[in-house]
Amino acid sequence: MTMRQLLLAGAVAGGTIGAAVAETPGNALIMAYNIDAISSFDPAQIAEAVTDEIIMNTCDALVDNKTDDEADFVPALAESWEVSEDGRTITFHLRDGIVFPDGTPGTAGDLVWSMQRVVKLGFGNAASLTEYGFTADTIGELITAPDDSTVVMKLDKPYPVNLILVSIAANRVSVMLNRAELEENEQDGDLGNAYLQDKTACVGPYGLAQWNPGESVLLQANENYGGEAPKLPRVLIRHVAEPGTQRLLLENGDIDIARDLTSQDLTALEEGNENVEVVRKLNPSLFYMGMNVSKPPFDDPKVRLAMRHLIDYQGLAESVMKGVGVPRAAFVQLGAFGALDEQEGAPFIQDLEKAKELLAEAGHPDGFDASLIIGSHPYANPIAQSIQEAASQIGVNLQIERMANAQLYARNRARDFDAALLGYKSGVPDAHGMASRLVYNPDNALEAKNTQYPAWRAGYYDEAMNARIEEALFEPDPAKREELYHELQRDIMQEGPMAYVMQTLGGAGIRKGLKDWTWNGFRVYYDLASK
């Protein structure tokens, strides 16, 4: 059955065909979203926020973030867990009735194999495990399944347990894949990676029914799911890149929710459409200008600091950011343990004289030429133009290159850029989440391909900073640990490879017929939405 046939069948069942006013099917969640960044559905490989959102609605992890308290956890694949007295062993007890979509039972062995697979494949997501001591050589001994319903995770160091739960157990690296299905479809030892480019093979409330790249994603409820069934059995995500088009579809009743509206769209809907509700949340996500420090002129920290002084934080806050973000210059998101407060975390103002002075000190009194690559985020172009205009006043010629998000990410991961406007979302409400990716870089060599580390993508490597991040991670005194992160943020604001612009707000427009839309900073719960 085609995607159109599936939705029409649902519309007939819901009694919506022939309605005088546009209406979405009663048994489906219809969403407009910019999803052009999707390239794979393999939990070991995906890195984009939109694909992570989808995969976490199709694949259960060991535990889940609590809907109303993202720093707390609830059972998912694991119904319970306990921690040893020394804090170095976590034992997870899996729930009964775990079944894959094809009807075969899922076991702890499948889950352990899936986690080991992440490290063996060596894509960027392997970092979620390797940074906590789970290497290709050790993971077979450290993560084991003594029986079909028990997973034992041994830690090589006394990491904060909650950090392990949120970084690994609630992460896509701990979803249960169908080992037999992937091994049957393995190609040249890829452990099923090519097979998962356009499929899902995991335990979860939904499965991927169809993906038309650049057009849509259709999720279908998993009939064999052992957990609570989704309230709506189908989810259709339509790729709509332009915010204005999303708004029109929403106002016409052709979709239930629009995910990429501009601040102007959100404000207009709040003030003038009684059929639409606007909802917002503070995301653990930063939007920033990344600079490639592996080549001039951004290899000079004075040039990077000058670029920070070009950003018109106040002007952008009153225009482009309004309703979609808050000014943020520190690398730790508000709401996380160890974050600088709102005022200290955004100390810069636009200062062209200071920027010009710094460039002169760096040997660029007449400025320089560089390119600034951007994607299709609705706020990327106006922010880029603001920076470009300020730069032109001190002799810096920034050429803006706009492209699809997938191309932007590919060039960023290949270090094929001068400067780029990008976003990064932390997976944990702890400063280590950002510090371990935006500053820490385990190996700066090109052949290391540490693409999951934005610091690596920018060519930034500092052994002293690496050591300070490890010191903060293992500091047992919370007050001292917090201060270590504060000091790191202050120093990185002066010399780091990224000029942070804002912390994003998740804003969406929802038709009044959609109920129970549930999200927090780390998860969106499709299965709870109802009509």
Protein backbone atom coordinates (compact mmCIF):
# COMPACT_ATOMS: atom_id res chain seq x y z
CA MET A 1 0.00 0.00 0.00
CA THR A 2 1.37 3.41 -0.96
CA MET A 3 1.70 6.31 1.46
CA ARG A 4 -1.27 8.06 -0.13
CA GLN A 5 -3.40 4.91 0.10
CA LEU A 6 -2.48 4.44 3.75
CA LEU A 7 -3.53 7.96 4.64
CA LEU A 8 -6.69 7.86 2.55
CA ALA A 9 -7.69 4.64 4.24
CA GLY A 10 -7.22 6.33 7.60
CA ALA A 11 -9.21 9.36 6.45
CA VAL A 12 -12.15 7.20 5.41
CA ALA A 13 -12.03 5.36 8.74
CA GLY A 14 -11.98 8.71 10.53
CA GLY A 15 -14.88 10.08 8.53
CA THR A 16 -13.01 13.08 7.14
CA ILE A 17 -13.43 12.55 3.39
CA GLY A 18 -15.88 15.08 2.01
CA ALA A 19 -15.58 17.51 4.91
CA ALA A 20 -16.25 21.12 3.91
CA VAL A 21 -13.15 22.38 5.73
CA ALA A 22 -9.66 20.92 5.24
CA GLU A 23 -9.01 18.36 7.92
CA THR A 24 -6.27 15.82 8.55
CA PRO A 25 -7.08 12.11 9.00
CA GLY A 26 -8.34 11.25 12.47
CA ASN A 27 -5.88 8.40 12.93
CA ALA A 28 -2.70 10.14 11.81
CA LEU A 29 -0.35 12.86 13.00
CA ILE A 30 0.53 15.06 10.02
CA MET A 31 3.61 17.24 10.47
CA ALA A 32 5.46 19.78 8.32
CA TYR A 33 9.17 19.73 9.10
CA ASN A 34 12.47 20.47 7.35
CA ILE A 35 13.86 16.94 7.06
CA ASP A 36 16.31 17.30 4.20
CA ALA A 37 19.23 16.36 6.47
CA ILE A 38 18.15 12.70 6.74
CA SER A 39 20.66 10.32 5.17
CA SER A 40 20.26 7.08 7.16
CA PHE A 41 18.15 5.45 9.87
CA ASP A 42 21.00 3.45 11.38
CA PRO A 43 21.22 4.39 15.09
CA ALA A 44 24.97 3.83 14.88
CA GLN A 45 25.36 6.45 12.16
CA ILE A 46 22.74 9.19 12.42
CA ALA A 47 23.84 12.52 13.82
CA GLU A 48 21.17 15.03 12.82
CA ALA A 49 18.64 16.19 15.40
CA VAL A 50 15.66 15.50 13.13
CA THR A 51 16.74 11.90 12.47
CA ASP A 52 17.44 11.36 16.15
CA GLU A 53 13.92 12.55 16.93
CA ILE A 54 12.46 10.06 14.47
CA ILE A 55 14.63 7.14 15.52
CA MET A 56 13.79 7.66 19.19
CA ASN A 57 10.12 7.33 18.25
CA THR A 58 10.73 4.09 16.41
CA CYS A 59 13.32 2.48 18.69
CA ASP A 60 13.16 2.17 22.48
CA ALA A 61 16.41 2.68 24.39
CA LEU A 62 17.27 1.10 27.73
CA VAL A 63 15.65 3.99 29.61
CA ASP A 64 13.77 7.13 28.61
CA ASN A 65 13.76 10.75 29.73
CA LYS A 66 10.80 11.59 31.94
CA THR A 67 8.38 13.74 29.95
CA ASP A 68 8.06 16.47 32.59
CA ASP A 69 11.60 16.26 34.02
CA GLU A 70 14.24 15.66 31.38
CA ALA A 71 16.94 15.12 34.01
CA ASP A 72 15.07 12.12 35.42
CA PHE A 73 14.45 8.69 33.90
CA VAL A 74 11.65 6.17 33.44
CA PRO A 75 11.79 2.53 32.32
CA ALA A 76 11.84 1.69 28.61
CA LEU A 77 13.49 -1.56 27.48
CA ALA A 78 14.74 -1.89 31.05
CA GLU A 79 12.01 -2.09 33.66
CA SER A 80 14.52 -1.55 36.48
CA TRP A 81 18.23 -1.13 37.15
CA GLU A 82 20.61 -1.00 40.10
CA VAL A 83 24.07 0.40 40.67
CA SER A 84 26.85 -1.30 42.61
CA GLU A 85 28.22 0.30 45.78
CA ASP A 86 31.40 1.45 44.02
CA GLY A 87 29.32 3.00 41.22
CA ARG A 88 31.15 1.07 38.53
CA THR A 89 28.58 -1.58 37.58
CA ILE A 90 25.01 -0.93 36.39
CA THR A 91 22.70 -3.92 35.98
CA PHE A 92 19.61 -3.49 33.80
CA HIS A 93 16.64 -5.87 33.97
CA LEU A 94 14.67 -5.94 30.73
CA ARG A 95 10.88 -5.95 30.66
CA ASP A 96 8.90 -8.99 29.59
CA GLY A 97 7.28 -9.24 26.17
CA ILE A 98 9.92 -7.50 24.05
CA VAL A 99 9.09 -8.39 20.44
CA PHE A 100 10.48 -7.13 17.14
CA PRO A 101 8.07 -5.96 14.42
CA ASP A 102 8.51 -9.29 12.59
CA GLY A 103 7.21 -11.15 15.65
CA THR A 104 10.48 -12.60 16.91
CA PRO A 105 11.39 -12.04 20.58
CA GLY A 106 14.07 -9.51 21.48
CA THR A 107 16.67 -10.47 24.07
CA ALA A 108 19.46 -8.94 26.08
CA GLY A 109 21.81 -10.62 23.60
CA ASP A 110 20.30 -8.56 20.77
CA LEU A 111 20.75 -5.38 22.79
CA VAL A 112 24.35 -6.10 23.76
CA TRP A 113 25.16 -6.97 20.13
CA SER A 114 23.54 -3.70 19.03
CA MET A 115 25.63 -1.65 21.45
CA GLN A 116 28.83 -3.45 20.49
CA ARG A 117 27.92 -2.89 16.84
CA VAL A 118 27.96 0.91 17.35
CA VAL A 119 31.62 0.78 18.40
CA LYS A 120 32.64 -1.79 15.78
CA LEU A 121 31.19 0.30 12.94
CA GLY A 122 33.10 3.31 14.20
CA PHE A 123 30.77 6.06 12.99
CA GLY A 124 30.51 9.28 14.97
CA ASN A 125 27.99 7.83 17.43
CA ALA A 126 30.65 5.44 18.70
CA ALA A 127 31.92 8.42 20.70
CA SER A 128 28.90 8.12 23.01
CA LEU A 129 30.43 4.84 24.20
CA THR A 130 34.17 5.22 23.63
CA GLU A 131 34.39 8.40 25.70
CA TYR A 132 33.28 6.32 28.69
CA GLY A 133 35.88 3.60 28.15
CA PHE A 134 33.94 1.22 25.87
CA THR A 135 36.43 0.57 23.08
CA ALA A 136 36.34 -2.04 20.33
CA ASP A 137 38.76 -4.13 22.40
CA THR A 138 36.93 -3.83 25.73
CA ILE A 139 33.21 -3.50 25.02
CA GLY A 140 32.73 -7.27 24.70
CA GLU A 141 33.87 -7.68 28.30
CA LEU A 142 32.33 -4.51 29.74
CA ILE A 143 28.79 -4.81 28.33
CA THR A 144 27.42 -8.35 28.63
CA ALA A 145 24.19 -10.34 28.75
CA PRO A 146 24.40 -13.06 31.43
CA ASP A 147 20.88 -14.16 30.41
CA ASP A 148 18.11 -13.16 28.00
CA SER A 149 16.69 -10.46 30.27
CA THR A 150 19.77 -8.91 31.92
CA VAL A 151 22.35 -6.43 30.65
CA VAL A 152 25.41 -5.69 32.77
CA MET A 153 27.45 -2.55 32.10
CA LYS A 154 30.85 -2.28 33.78
CA LEU A 155 32.60 1.10 33.90
CA ASP A 156 36.37 1.54 33.79
CA LYS A 157 36.16 4.69 35.93
CA PRO A 158 33.70 6.14 38.47
CA TYR A 159 31.74 8.31 36.04
CA PRO A 160 28.67 10.12 37.42
CA VAL A 161 25.95 7.47 37.10
CA ASN A 162 23.25 9.89 35.93
CA LEU A 163 25.61 11.00 33.17
CA ILE A 164 25.96 7.37 32.02
CA LEU A 165 22.18 6.92 32.08
CA VAL A 166 21.49 10.02 29.99
CA SER A 167 24.52 9.70 27.69
CA ILE A 168 24.22 5.98 26.95
CA ALA A 169 21.13 4.30 28.42
CA ALA A 170 18.69 6.97 27.14
CA ASN A 171 20.63 7.43 23.89
CA ARG A 172 20.16 5.91 20.43
CA VAL A 173 23.32 3.83 21.03
CA SER A 174 21.35 1.60 23.43
CA VAL A 175 18.41 0.71 21.19
CA MET A 176 17.74 -2.98 20.50
CA LEU A 177 18.22 -3.99 16.86
CA ASN A 178 17.10 -7.28 15.34
CA ARG A 179 20.45 -9.05 15.07
CA ALA A 180 19.15 -11.91 12.93
CA GLU A 181 17.53 -9.54 10.43
CA LEU A 182 20.63 -7.36 10.10
CA GLU A 183 23.03 -10.28 9.79
CA GLU A 184 20.81 -11.79 7.09
CA ASN A 185 21.05 -8.51 5.15
CA GLU A 186 24.71 -7.77 5.86
CA GLN A 187 26.83 -6.53 2.95
CA ASP A 188 30.61 -6.90 3.00
CA GLY A 189 30.77 -6.96 6.78
CA ASP A 190 28.75 -3.74 7.29
CA LEU A 191 26.60 -5.29 10.06
CA GLY A 192 23.47 -4.19 8.21
CA ASN A 193 24.40 -0.52 7.85
CA ALA A 194 23.37 -0.25 4.18
CA TYR A 195 20.15 -2.13 4.95
CA LEU A 196 19.23 0.46 7.60
CA GLN A 197 19.69 3.40 5.24
CA ASP A 198 15.96 3.39 4.56
CA LYS A 199 14.59 0.94 7.14
CA THR A 200 14.21 0.42 10.86
CA ALA A 201 14.69 -2.96 12.56
CA CYS A 202 14.22 -2.29 16.24
CA VAL A 203 11.80 -2.54 19.16
CA GLY A 204 9.59 0.53 19.46
CA PRO A 205 6.08 1.97 19.11
CA TYR A 206 6.48 2.81 15.41
CA GLY A 207 8.33 1.44 12.43
CA LEU A 208 9.50 3.22 9.29
CA ALA A 209 6.91 2.39 6.61
CA GLN A 210 8.30 4.64 3.88
CA TRP A 211 10.91 7.32 3.29
CA ASN A 212 10.92 9.43 0.16
CA PRO A 213 14.12 11.51 0.41
CA GLY A 214 13.40 15.21 0.23
CA GLU A 215 9.66 14.57 0.40
CA SER A 216 8.31 12.65 3.39
CA VAL A 217 8.64 10.05 6.13
CA LEU A 218 5.77 7.74 7.07
CA LEU A 219 5.76 5.87 10.37
CA GLN A 220 3.35 3.01 11.05
CA ALA A 221 2.49 1.67 14.52
CA ASN A 222 4.25 -1.59 15.37
CA GLU A 223 1.46 -4.14 15.90
CA ASN A 224 3.76 -6.43 17.91
CA TYR A 225 4.96 -3.70 20.28
CA GLY A 226 4.90 -4.89 23.89
CA GLY A 227 4.60 -1.41 25.38
CA GLU A 228 1.63 0.94 25.31
CA ALA A 229 0.29 1.36 21.77
CA PRO A 230 0.56 4.83 20.17
CA LYS A 231 -2.61 6.90 20.35
CA LEU A 232 -2.31 7.64 16.61
CA PRO A 233 -1.22 4.66 14.47
CA ARG A 234 0.36 6.72 11.70
CA VAL A 235 2.74 9.67 11.56
CA LEU A 236 3.36 11.49 8.27
CA ILE A 237 6.24 13.98 8.27
CA ARG A 238 6.16 16.14 5.15
CA HIS A 239 9.39 17.81 4.11
CA VAL A 240 8.54 21.49 3.87
CA ALA A 241 11.64 23.68 3.90
CA GLU A 242 9.99 27.11 3.75
CA PRO A 243 8.43 28.39 7.01
CA GLY A 244 5.87 30.42 5.06
CA THR A 245 4.62 27.29 3.32
CA GLN A 246 4.41 25.47 6.65
CA ARG A 247 2.31 28.29 8.05
CA LEU A 248 -0.05 28.25 5.06
CA LEU A 249 -0.55 24.49 5.35
CA LEU A 250 -1.25 24.88 9.06
CA GLU A 251 -3.76 27.69 8.60
CA ASN A 252 -5.53 25.73 5.85
CA GLY A 253 -5.86 22.68 8.09
CA ASP A 254 -3.69 20.48 5.83
CA ILE A 255 -1.30 19.60 8.67
CA ASP A 256 -1.60 19.20 12.42
CA ILE A 257 1.69 20.82 13.39
CA ALA A 258 4.35 23.07 11.82
CA ARG A 259 7.84 22.71 13.27
CA ASP A 260 10.00 25.35 11.56
CA LEU A 261 8.08 28.60 11.79
CA THR A 262 9.86 31.94 12.05
CA SER A 263 9.42 34.24 15.02
CA GLN A 264 7.17 36.44 12.87
CA ASP A 265 5.01 33.45 11.93
CA LEU A 266 4.67 32.34 15.54
CA THR A 267 3.76 35.82 16.74
CA ALA A 268 1.19 36.29 13.96
CA LEU A 269 -0.43 32.95 14.76
CA GLU A 270 -0.57 33.77 18.47
CA GLU A 271 -2.23 37.08 17.80
CA GLY A 272 -4.57 36.23 14.96
CA ASN A 273 -5.57 32.58 14.59
CA GLU A 274 -7.96 31.01 17.08
CA ASN A 275 -7.58 27.60 15.44
CA VAL A 276 -3.85 27.39 16.14
CA GLU A 277 -1.98 27.16 19.44
CA VAL A 278 1.69 28.20 19.64
CA VAL A 279 3.91 26.17 21.98
CA ARG A 280 7.53 26.80 22.91
CA LYS A 281 10.31 25.13 24.87
CA LEU A 282 13.95 26.00 25.58
CA ASN A 283 16.10 23.55 23.66
CA PRO A 284 19.48 22.23 24.84
CA SER A 285 20.69 23.41 21.44
CA LEU A 286 23.09 26.16 20.39
CA PHE A 287 23.29 27.97 17.06
CA TYR A 288 26.81 29.15 16.30
CA MET A 289 29.34 30.26 13.75
CA GLY A 290 31.99 27.57 13.51
CA MET A 291 35.41 28.62 12.28
CA ASN A 292 37.91 26.26 10.65
CA VAL A 293 41.03 26.72 12.78
CA SER A 294 43.04 24.30 10.64
CA LYS A 295 43.81 27.11 8.18
CA PRO A 296 44.29 30.91 8.14
CA PRO A 297 42.90 33.28 9.15
CA PHE A 298 40.83 31.43 11.76
CA ASP A 299 43.86 29.62 13.16
CA ASP A 300 44.52 32.85 15.09
CA PRO A 301 42.46 33.19 18.31
CA LYS A 302 42.47 36.98 17.92
CA VAL A 303 40.66 36.65 14.60
CA ARG A 304 38.13 34.33 16.21
CA LEU A 305 37.56 36.79 19.05
CA ALA A 306 37.15 39.61 16.51
CA MET A 307 34.38 37.61 14.84
CA ARG A 308 32.53 37.40 18.15
CA HIS A 309 32.51 41.18 18.36
CA LEU A 310 30.76 41.36 14.97
CA ILE A 311 27.62 39.65 16.26
CA ASP A 312 24.80 42.05 17.05
CA TYR A 313 23.32 40.08 19.94
CA GLN A 314 20.93 42.82 21.02
CA GLY A 315 19.65 43.62 17.53
CA LEU A 316 19.20 39.94 16.64
CA ALA A 317 17.43 39.28 19.96
CA GLU A 318 14.85 41.93 19.07
CA SER A 319 14.34 40.66 15.52
CA VAL A 320 15.50 37.29 14.17
CA MET A 321 15.80 35.55 17.54
CA LYS A 322 12.49 36.77 18.89
CA GLY A 323 10.43 33.73 19.77
CA VAL A 324 13.01 31.25 18.42
CA GLY A 325 16.05 31.79 20.62
CA VAL A 326 17.85 33.70 23.38
CA PRO A 327 21.34 35.24 23.10
CA ARG A 328 24.04 32.85 24.27
CA ALA A 329 27.82 33.13 23.91
CA ALA A 330 28.83 30.36 26.33
CA PHE A 331 29.11 26.77 25.13
CA VAL A 332 26.87 25.27 27.86
CA GLN A 333 23.12 25.59 27.44
CA LEU A 334 20.93 27.25 30.06
CA GLY A 335 19.26 24.63 32.23
CA ALA A 336 22.28 22.35 32.36
CA PHE A 337 24.41 21.70 35.42
CA GLY A 338 27.50 23.90 35.19
CA ALA A 339 26.04 26.54 32.86
CA LEU A 340 26.92 30.20 33.30
CA ASP A 341 23.83 32.25 34.06
CA GLU A 342 21.97 34.17 31.38
CA GLN A 343 23.92 37.40 31.90
CA GLU A 344 27.45 36.01 32.26
CA GLY A 345 26.82 33.55 29.44
CA ALA A 346 26.16 36.36 26.96
CA PRO A 347 28.73 39.10 27.70
CA PHE A 348 29.44 40.34 24.17
CA ILE A 349 27.99 43.33 22.40
CA GLN A 350 28.67 44.33 18.82
CA ASP A 351 31.91 46.33 18.89
CA LEU A 352 33.36 47.00 15.45
CA GLU A 353 36.25 49.08 16.74
CA LYS A 354 37.35 46.26 19.04
CA ALA A 355 37.01 43.76 16.20
CA LYS A 356 39.13 45.92 13.88
CA GLU A 357 41.75 46.36 16.61
CA LEU A 358 41.98 42.59 17.12
CA LEU A 359 42.36 41.99 13.38
CA ALA A 360 45.20 44.52 13.22
CA GLU A 361 46.95 42.75 16.10
CA ALA A 362 46.53 39.47 14.20
CA GLY A 363 48.15 40.94 11.08
CA HIS A 364 44.98 41.70 9.12
CA PRO A 365 44.62 45.49 9.35
CA ASP A 366 42.79 45.57 6.00
CA GLY A 367 40.60 42.55 6.72
CA PHE A 368 40.47 39.34 4.70
CA ASP A 369 38.23 37.27 2.40
CA ALA A 370 36.39 34.15 3.56
CA SER A 371 33.28 32.16 2.82
CA LEU A 372 30.41 31.54 5.24
CA ILE A 373 28.35 28.45 4.43
CA ILE A 374 24.80 28.19 5.72
CA GLY A 375 21.89 25.76 5.45
CA SER A 376 18.15 26.10 5.22
CA HIS A 377 17.37 26.93 8.84
CA PRO A 378 14.86 29.81 8.69
CA TYR A 379 17.06 32.07 10.82
CA ALA A 380 20.40 31.19 9.19
CA ASN A 381 20.20 33.64 6.30
CA PRO A 382 19.25 36.78 8.30
CA ILE A 383 21.91 36.02 10.91
CA ALA A 384 24.50 35.46 8.17
CA GLN A 385 23.55 38.73 6.50
CA SER A 386 23.84 40.59 9.80
CA ILE A 387 27.35 39.24 10.36
CA GLN A 388 28.28 39.86 6.72
CA GLU A 389 27.18 43.49 6.94
CA ALA A 390 29.14 44.10 10.16
CA ALA A 391 32.21 42.35 8.73
CA SER A 392 32.17 44.53 5.62
CA GLN A 393 32.58 47.60 7.81
CA ILE A 394 36.00 46.41 9.02
CA GLY A 395 37.25 45.13 5.65
CA VAL A 396 36.23 41.48 6.03
CA ASN A 397 34.57 40.15 2.88
CA LEU A 398 32.33 37.22 3.84
CA GLN A 399 30.80 35.43 0.88
CA ILE A 400 27.60 33.62 1.93
CA GLU A 401 26.99 30.21 0.32
CA ARG A 402 23.52 28.77 1.00
CA MET A 403 22.84 25.05 0.53
CA ALA A 404 20.67 22.16 1.71
CA ASN A 405 21.36 21.07 5.26
CA ALA A 406 22.67 17.67 4.15
CA GLN A 407 25.34 19.38 2.01
CA LEU A 408 26.17 21.82 4.82
CA TYR A 409 26.75 18.97 7.27
CA ALA A 410 28.79 16.99 4.75
CA ARG A 411 31.13 19.92 4.11
CA ASN A 412 31.42 20.66 7.81
CA ARG A 413 32.36 17.05 8.57
CA ALA A 414 34.93 17.11 5.77
CA ARG A 415 36.44 20.39 7.08
CA ASP A 416 35.62 21.85 3.68
CA PHE A 417 34.71 25.34 4.86
CA ASP A 418 36.09 28.62 6.22
CA ALA A 419 33.18 29.49 8.50
CA ALA A 420 29.74 27.93 8.86
CA LEU A 421 26.49 28.62 10.68
CA LEU A 422 25.51 25.42 12.45
CA GLY A 423 23.51 24.03 15.32
CA TYR A 424 24.45 21.50 17.97
CA LYS A 425 22.14 19.84 20.45
CA SER A 426 23.36 18.35 23.70
CA GLY A 427 21.99 15.01 24.72
CA VAL A 428 22.45 15.61 28.43
CA PRO A 429 21.45 18.29 31.01
CA ASP A 430 25.06 18.50 32.17
CA ALA A 431 27.91 20.75 31.04
CA HIS A 432 29.92 17.69 30.07
CA GLY A 433 27.53 17.08 27.19
CA MET A 434 28.67 20.22 25.38
CA ALA A 435 32.23 20.29 26.74
CA SER A 436 32.90 16.75 25.53
CA ARG A 437 31.97 17.65 21.94
CA LEU A 438 32.41 21.38 21.37
CA VAL A 439 35.80 21.67 23.11
CA TYR A 440 37.20 18.18 23.69
CA ASN A 441 38.86 16.51 20.70
CA PRO A 442 40.46 13.08 21.24
CA ASP A 443 42.46 13.05 18.01
CA ASN A 444 42.71 15.92 15.51
CA ALA A 445 44.17 13.88 12.64
CA LEU A 446 42.08 13.92 9.46
CA GLU A 447 42.24 10.14 9.27
CA ALA A 448 40.71 9.92 12.76
CA LYS A 449 37.39 11.08 11.25
CA ASN A 450 35.97 12.12 14.62
CA THR A 451 32.99 13.67 12.89
CA GLN A 452 30.77 13.44 15.97
CA TYR A 453 32.97 16.07 17.62
CA PRO A 454 32.26 19.60 16.34
CA ALA A 455 35.67 20.54 17.79
CA TRP A 456 37.30 18.04 15.40
CA ARG A 457 35.25 19.34 12.47
CA ALA A 458 36.65 22.81 13.25
CA GLY A 459 40.19 21.44 13.54
CA TYR A 460 40.40 22.60 17.16
CA TYR A 461 42.71 20.64 19.45
CA ASP A 462 44.09 21.75 22.80
CA GLU A 463 45.62 19.18 25.16
CA ALA A 464 45.27 21.48 28.15
CA MET A 465 41.55 21.96 27.47
CA ASN A 466 41.11 18.21 27.07
CA ALA A 467 42.73 17.68 30.47
CA ARG A 468 40.53 20.33 32.10
CA ILE A 469 37.39 18.68 30.74
CA GLU A 470 38.44 15.32 32.16
CA GLU A 471 39.23 16.98 35.49
CA ALA A 472 35.75 18.49 35.64
CA LEU A 473 34.11 15.19 34.70
CA PHE A 474 35.63 13.32 37.63
CA GLU A 475 35.51 16.09 40.26
CA PRO A 476 33.40 14.56 43.08
CA ASP A 477 32.48 17.86 44.77
CA PRO A 478 29.49 19.35 42.87
CA ALA A 479 30.35 22.94 43.76
CA LYS A 480 33.95 22.56 42.60
CA ARG A 481 32.83 20.70 39.49
CA GLU A 482 30.42 23.51 38.63
CA GLU A 483 33.13 26.15 39.01
CA LEU A 484 35.50 24.19 36.77
CA TYR A 485 32.87 24.34 34.01
CA HIS A 486 32.34 28.06 34.64
CA GLU A 487 36.05 28.69 34.16
CA LEU A 488 36.10 26.62 30.98
CA GLN A 489 33.25 28.64 29.50
CA ARG A 490 34.91 31.97 30.30
CA ASP A 491 38.16 30.88 28.65
CA ILE A 492 36.58 29.32 25.58
CA MET A 493 34.59 32.51 24.93
CA GLN A 494 37.95 34.19 24.36
CA GLU A 495 39.72 31.61 22.21
CA GLY A 496 37.41 28.76 21.16
CA PRO A 497 36.59 27.78 17.56
CA MET A 498 32.89 28.67 17.74
CA ALA A 499 31.19 32.02 18.13
CA TYR A 500 27.88 31.09 19.76
CA VAL A 501 24.91 33.19 18.73
CA MET A 502 21.89 31.83 20.56
CA GLN A 503 20.27 28.98 22.43
CA THR A 504 17.26 27.94 20.43
CA LEU A 505 13.65 27.79 21.49
CA GLY A 506 11.56 24.99 20.09
CA GLY A 507 8.52 26.71 18.65
CA ALA A 508 5.62 25.03 16.91
CA GLY A 509 2.17 25.88 15.67
CA ILE A 510 -0.47 23.25 16.47
CA ARG A 511 -4.02 22.93 15.16
CA LYS A 512 -6.56 22.85 17.97
CA GLY A 513 -7.70 19.35 16.90
CA LEU A 514 -4.36 17.85 17.96
CA LYS A 515 -4.12 17.03 21.66
CA ASP A 516 -1.45 15.90 24.09
CA TRP A 517 1.53 17.13 22.05
CA THR A 518 4.38 16.27 24.43
CA TRP A 519 8.02 17.32 24.26
CA ASN A 520 10.93 18.47 26.37
CA GLY A 521 14.46 19.57 25.64
CA PHE A 522 15.63 16.07 24.75
CA ARG A 523 12.66 14.17 23.39
CA VAL A 524 9.51 14.52 21.31
CA TYR A 525 6.86 11.87 22.00
CA TYR A 526 4.83 11.14 18.87
CA ASP A 527 3.10 8.17 20.51
CA LEU A 528 1.37 10.37 23.11
CA ALA A 529 -0.30 12.73 20.62
CA SER A 530 -4.02 12.18 20.10
CA LYS A 531 -7.09 13.62 18.37
